[in-house]
Amino acid sequence: MAERPAISFFERWLTLWVFLCIVAGIELGQWLPVPFEALGRMEVASVNLPVGLLIWVMIIPMLLRIDFGAMGQVRQHWRGIGVTLAINWLVKPFSMALLGWFFLRHVFAPHLPPEQVDSYIAGLILLAAAPCTAMVFVWSRLTQGDPYFTLSQVALNDAIMIVAFAPIVALLLGLSAIVVPWDTLFTSVLLYIVIPVAIAQAWRAMLLKGGEARMRATLGRIQPYSTAALLATIVLLFAFQGR
């Protein structure tokens, strides 16, 4: 049996760092509301640009690992990938919308501001319809998963997400009687999926011209920036809601 990869001190306590960033974000939002309100207003079609930039820094190192040529290996892993696709696109978005409707419109409705319920449900639908590429790579590495299976399923899911995310979200928002913000929806797809995938694939092609060693060295150098961007995103999102 292959030896499990060592988990660094930082990775081992990642849950603690996330919790501390949540607390820090809330406190900063209360103590320094003016600068964070200014950052919160930096939007295009209700999509926050500072958050978008941090998400690029967070996910592009992960997207660099994706080889869309790996989709040719799908047939070798068809059972596992079939389960993944069914859960991601046929179960998860619709079950999350159902749970949001049940809990937010009924169970917890008396405890929530009525004008914010639609926003909460929309947030759940948006999260449910977007498989997290970065976390697939993180958990696969920590659990010593099959790298070829991981690569093939991520490549296929990302290709599907480019075309399926907006229609599924629009359908579920419509079924939930929430007005579909088409400009926000398409801006989100462009900003969070299409552009970072394109940047990562162009960068990947350039790095591979120097060989696999150059690719591995680059990934090793930029990985800390990805984790730092994750924590900074958490701080920023909670600071926006500090009050």
Protein backbone atom coordinates (compact mmCIF):
# COMPACT_ATOMS: atom_id res chain seq x y z
CA MET A 1 0.00 0.00 0.00
CA ALA A 2 1.27 3.45 -0.91
CA GLU A 3 2.22 5.71 1.97
CA ARG A 4 -0.34 8.41 2.71
CA PRO A 5 0.85 11.95 1.94
CA ALA A 6 1.80 13.95 5.00
CA ILE A 7 -0.71 16.60 6.02
CA SER A 8 0.88 19.88 7.00
CA PHE A 9 0.13 21.60 10.30
CA PHE A 10 -1.84 24.29 8.44
CA GLU A 11 -3.97 21.75 6.56
CA ARG A 12 -4.62 19.72 9.70
CA TRP A 13 -6.08 22.77 11.45
CA LEU A 14 -7.80 24.32 8.41
CA THR A 15 -11.20 24.18 10.14
CA LEU A 16 -9.83 26.35 12.96
CA TRP A 17 -8.40 28.92 10.53
CA VAL A 18 -11.74 29.12 8.72
CA PHE A 19 -13.56 29.68 12.02
CA LEU A 20 -11.09 32.41 13.03
CA CYS A 21 -11.54 34.10 9.64
CA ILE A 22 -15.32 34.10 10.13
CA VAL A 23 -14.91 35.78 13.53
CA ALA A 24 -12.34 38.23 12.13
CA GLY A 25 -14.64 39.12 9.23
CA ILE A 26 -17.59 39.85 11.50
CA GLU A 27 -15.49 41.96 13.85
CA LEU A 28 -13.86 43.91 11.03
CA GLY A 29 -17.25 44.57 9.48
CA GLN A 30 -18.42 46.07 12.77
CA TRP A 31 -15.27 48.05 13.57
CA LEU A 32 -14.47 49.29 10.05
CA PRO A 33 -17.79 49.41 8.19
CA VAL A 34 -16.88 52.23 5.78
CA PRO A 35 -14.01 50.55 3.85
CA PHE A 36 -15.88 47.26 3.64
CA GLU A 37 -19.03 48.99 2.45
CA ALA A 38 -16.89 50.65 -0.24
CA LEU A 39 -15.53 47.25 -1.30
CA GLY A 40 -19.06 45.85 -1.26
CA ARG A 41 -20.19 48.50 -3.74
CA MET A 42 -17.56 47.45 -6.30
CA GLU A 43 -19.99 45.39 -8.36
CA VAL A 44 -20.97 44.59 -11.91
CA ALA A 45 -24.51 43.19 -12.31
CA SER A 46 -24.59 42.53 -8.52
CA VAL A 47 -21.40 40.44 -8.76
CA ASN A 48 -18.72 41.69 -6.37
CA LEU A 49 -15.40 42.26 -8.16
CA PRO A 50 -12.99 41.97 -5.16
CA VAL A 51 -14.57 38.62 -4.25
CA GLY A 52 -14.35 37.55 -7.89
CA LEU A 53 -10.64 38.39 -8.00
CA LEU A 54 -9.97 36.42 -4.81
CA ILE A 55 -11.88 33.45 -6.19
CA TRP A 56 -9.69 33.54 -9.31
CA VAL A 57 -6.57 33.38 -7.12
CA MET A 58 -8.18 30.55 -5.15
CA ILE A 59 -9.31 28.32 -8.00
CA ILE A 60 -6.88 28.95 -10.87
CA PRO A 61 -4.10 26.87 -9.20
CA MET A 62 -6.63 24.02 -9.00
CA LEU A 63 -7.86 24.58 -12.56
CA LEU A 64 -4.26 24.37 -13.78
CA ARG A 65 -4.37 20.67 -12.89
CA ILE A 66 -7.29 20.02 -15.22
CA ASP A 67 -6.48 18.34 -18.50
CA PHE A 68 -9.60 18.33 -20.65
CA GLY A 69 -7.91 15.61 -22.64
CA ALA A 70 -8.55 13.42 -19.59
CA MET A 71 -12.21 13.24 -20.58
CA GLY A 72 -11.07 10.41 -22.86
CA GLN A 73 -10.57 8.36 -19.68
CA VAL A 74 -14.24 8.69 -18.68
CA ARG A 75 -15.08 5.26 -20.07
CA GLN A 76 -12.54 3.64 -17.74
CA HIS A 77 -14.33 5.12 -14.70
CA TRP A 78 -17.88 5.20 -16.01
CA ARG A 79 -19.53 3.83 -12.86
CA GLY A 80 -18.00 6.34 -10.46
CA ILE A 81 -18.36 9.24 -12.87
CA GLY A 82 -21.96 8.25 -13.59
CA VAL A 83 -22.76 8.45 -9.88
CA THR A 84 -20.98 11.80 -9.61
CA LEU A 85 -22.85 13.30 -12.56
CA ALA A 86 -26.22 12.02 -11.34
CA ILE A 87 -25.67 13.49 -7.86
CA ASN A 88 -24.27 16.79 -9.14
CA TRP A 89 -26.82 17.54 -11.86
CA LEU A 90 -29.96 15.43 -11.19
CA VAL A 91 -30.12 15.24 -7.38
CA LYS A 92 -28.17 17.98 -5.60
CA PRO A 93 -29.64 21.16 -7.19
CA PHE A 94 -33.23 19.96 -6.90
CA SER A 95 -32.89 18.48 -3.41
CA MET A 96 -31.26 21.70 -2.17
CA ALA A 97 -34.09 23.77 -3.63
CA LEU A 98 -36.59 21.47 -1.91
CA LEU A 99 -34.77 21.70 1.44
CA GLY A 100 -34.54 25.48 1.09
CA TRP A 101 -38.27 25.73 0.41
CA PHE A 102 -39.11 23.43 3.36
CA PHE A 103 -36.80 24.92 5.99
CA LEU A 104 -36.64 28.58 4.99
CA ARG A 105 -40.23 29.11 3.88
CA HIS A 106 -41.78 27.01 6.65
CA VAL A 107 -39.64 25.66 9.52
CA PHE A 108 -37.45 28.75 10.12
CA ALA A 109 -39.68 31.35 8.45
CA PRO A 110 -40.86 32.88 11.78
CA HIS A 111 -37.24 33.57 12.74
CA LEU A 112 -36.12 35.17 9.45
CA PRO A 113 -36.73 38.65 8.01
CA PRO A 114 -39.44 38.03 5.37
CA GLU A 115 -37.72 40.28 2.83
CA GLN A 116 -34.54 38.13 2.99
CA VAL A 117 -36.04 34.65 2.60
CA ASP A 118 -35.86 34.76 -1.21
CA SER A 119 -32.19 35.74 -1.02
CA TYR A 120 -31.39 32.82 1.27
CA ILE A 121 -33.16 30.35 -1.02
CA ALA A 122 -31.45 31.81 -4.10
CA GLY A 123 -28.09 31.43 -2.34
CA LEU A 124 -28.77 27.76 -1.59
CA ILE A 125 -29.75 27.12 -5.21
CA LEU A 126 -26.61 28.86 -6.53
CA LEU A 127 -24.39 26.83 -4.19
CA ALA A 128 -26.12 23.54 -5.00
CA ALA A 129 -25.78 23.99 -8.76
CA ALA A 130 -22.01 24.59 -8.71
CA PRO A 131 -19.75 21.58 -7.99
CA CYS A 132 -16.63 22.86 -6.23
CA THR A 133 -13.65 21.97 -8.42
CA ALA A 134 -11.10 23.21 -5.89
CA MET A 135 -12.40 21.07 -3.03
CA VAL A 136 -12.49 17.94 -5.21
CA PHE A 137 -8.74 18.28 -5.76
CA VAL A 138 -8.09 19.11 -2.10
CA TRP A 139 -9.99 16.12 -0.72
CA SER A 140 -8.64 13.76 -3.38
CA ARG A 141 -5.10 14.72 -2.43
CA LEU A 142 -5.70 14.44 1.33
CA THR A 143 -7.35 11.01 0.99
CA GLN A 144 -4.82 9.72 -1.55
CA GLY A 145 -7.49 9.29 -4.21
CA ASP A 146 -6.95 8.05 -7.75
CA PRO A 147 -5.53 11.09 -9.60
CA TYR A 148 -6.74 9.93 -13.03
CA PHE A 149 -10.29 9.39 -11.79
CA THR A 150 -10.24 12.77 -10.08
CA LEU A 151 -8.90 14.50 -13.17
CA SER A 152 -11.40 12.89 -15.55
CA GLN A 153 -14.44 13.62 -13.41
CA VAL A 154 -13.39 17.23 -12.73
CA ALA A 155 -12.73 17.87 -16.42
CA LEU A 156 -16.13 16.47 -17.39
CA ASN A 157 -17.97 18.31 -14.62
CA ASP A 158 -16.35 21.63 -15.52
CA ALA A 159 -17.24 21.16 -19.18
CA ILE A 160 -20.87 20.47 -18.20
CA MET A 161 -20.96 23.35 -15.72
CA ILE A 162 -20.10 25.89 -18.43
CA VAL A 163 -23.33 25.09 -20.30
CA ALA A 164 -25.65 23.67 -17.60
CA PHE A 165 -25.20 25.99 -14.61
CA ALA A 166 -27.22 28.97 -15.85
CA PRO A 167 -30.23 26.98 -17.20
CA ILE A 168 -30.55 24.86 -14.03
CA VAL A 169 -30.30 27.88 -11.72
CA ALA A 170 -32.80 29.81 -13.84
CA LEU A 171 -35.23 26.87 -13.74
CA LEU A 172 -34.99 26.42 -9.96
CA LEU A 173 -35.25 30.14 -9.23
CA GLY A 174 -38.32 30.28 -11.44
CA LEU A 175 -39.91 27.28 -9.69
CA SER A 176 -39.18 28.99 -6.36
CA ALA A 177 -41.05 32.11 -7.59
CA ILE A 178 -37.83 34.16 -7.46
CA VAL A 179 -37.17 36.67 -10.23
CA VAL A 180 -34.30 35.42 -12.39
CA PRO A 181 -31.49 38.05 -12.47
CA TRP A 182 -30.21 37.06 -15.91
CA ASP A 183 -27.45 39.67 -16.01
CA THR A 184 -26.14 38.48 -12.63
CA LEU A 185 -26.46 34.84 -13.67
CA PHE A 186 -24.53 35.19 -16.91
CA THR A 187 -21.95 37.53 -15.35
CA SER A 188 -21.36 34.93 -12.62
CA VAL A 189 -20.91 32.13 -15.15
CA LEU A 190 -18.51 34.26 -17.17
CA LEU A 191 -16.55 35.58 -14.17
CA TYR A 192 -16.39 32.46 -12.00
CA ILE A 193 -16.27 29.68 -14.62
CA VAL A 194 -15.50 30.64 -18.21
CA ILE A 195 -12.73 33.22 -17.66
CA PRO A 196 -10.74 31.35 -14.96
CA VAL A 197 -10.98 28.09 -16.93
CA ALA A 198 -9.70 29.88 -20.04
CA ILE A 199 -6.85 31.56 -18.12
CA ALA A 200 -5.85 28.30 -16.44
CA GLN A 201 -5.86 26.30 -19.69
CA ALA A 202 -3.79 28.95 -21.52
CA TRP A 203 -1.31 29.08 -18.62
CA ARG A 204 -1.22 25.27 -18.44
CA ALA A 205 -0.38 25.00 -22.14
CA MET A 206 2.43 27.55 -21.71
CA LEU A 207 3.87 25.75 -18.66
CA LEU A 208 3.75 22.31 -20.28
CA LYS A 209 5.95 23.59 -23.09
CA GLY A 210 8.68 23.59 -20.43
CA GLY A 211 7.81 20.06 -19.30
CA GLU A 212 6.00 18.44 -16.36
CA ALA A 213 8.74 19.53 -13.93
CA ARG A 214 8.02 23.18 -14.69
CA MET A 215 4.31 22.58 -14.14
CA ARG A 216 4.89 20.90 -10.76
CA ALA A 217 7.27 23.64 -9.64
CA THR A 218 4.78 26.35 -10.54
CA LEU A 219 1.94 24.57 -8.75
CA GLY A 220 4.09 24.26 -5.65
CA ARG A 221 4.89 28.00 -5.67
CA ILE A 222 1.33 29.26 -6.18
CA GLN A 223 -0.56 26.81 -3.94
CA PRO A 224 -0.10 28.96 -0.77
CA TYR A 225 -1.72 31.89 -2.59
CA SER A 226 -4.76 29.72 -3.27
CA THR A 227 -5.24 28.91 0.43
CA ALA A 228 -4.61 32.53 1.42
CA ALA A 229 -7.24 33.68 -1.09
CA LEU A 230 -9.73 31.19 0.36
CA LEU A 231 -9.29 32.61 3.86
CA ALA A 232 -9.32 36.22 2.61
CA THR A 233 -12.59 35.52 0.76
CA ILE A 234 -14.15 34.24 3.99
CA VAL A 235 -13.01 37.35 5.88
CA LEU A 236 -14.39 39.63 3.16
CA LEU A 237 -17.77 37.91 2.84
CA PHE A 238 -18.39 38.00 6.59
CA ALA A 239 -17.11 41.57 6.85
CA PHE A 240 -19.74 42.61 4.27
CA GLN A 241 -22.36 41.19 6.67
CA GLY A 242 -20.66 42.38 9.86
CA ARG A 243 -23.57 44.52 10.96
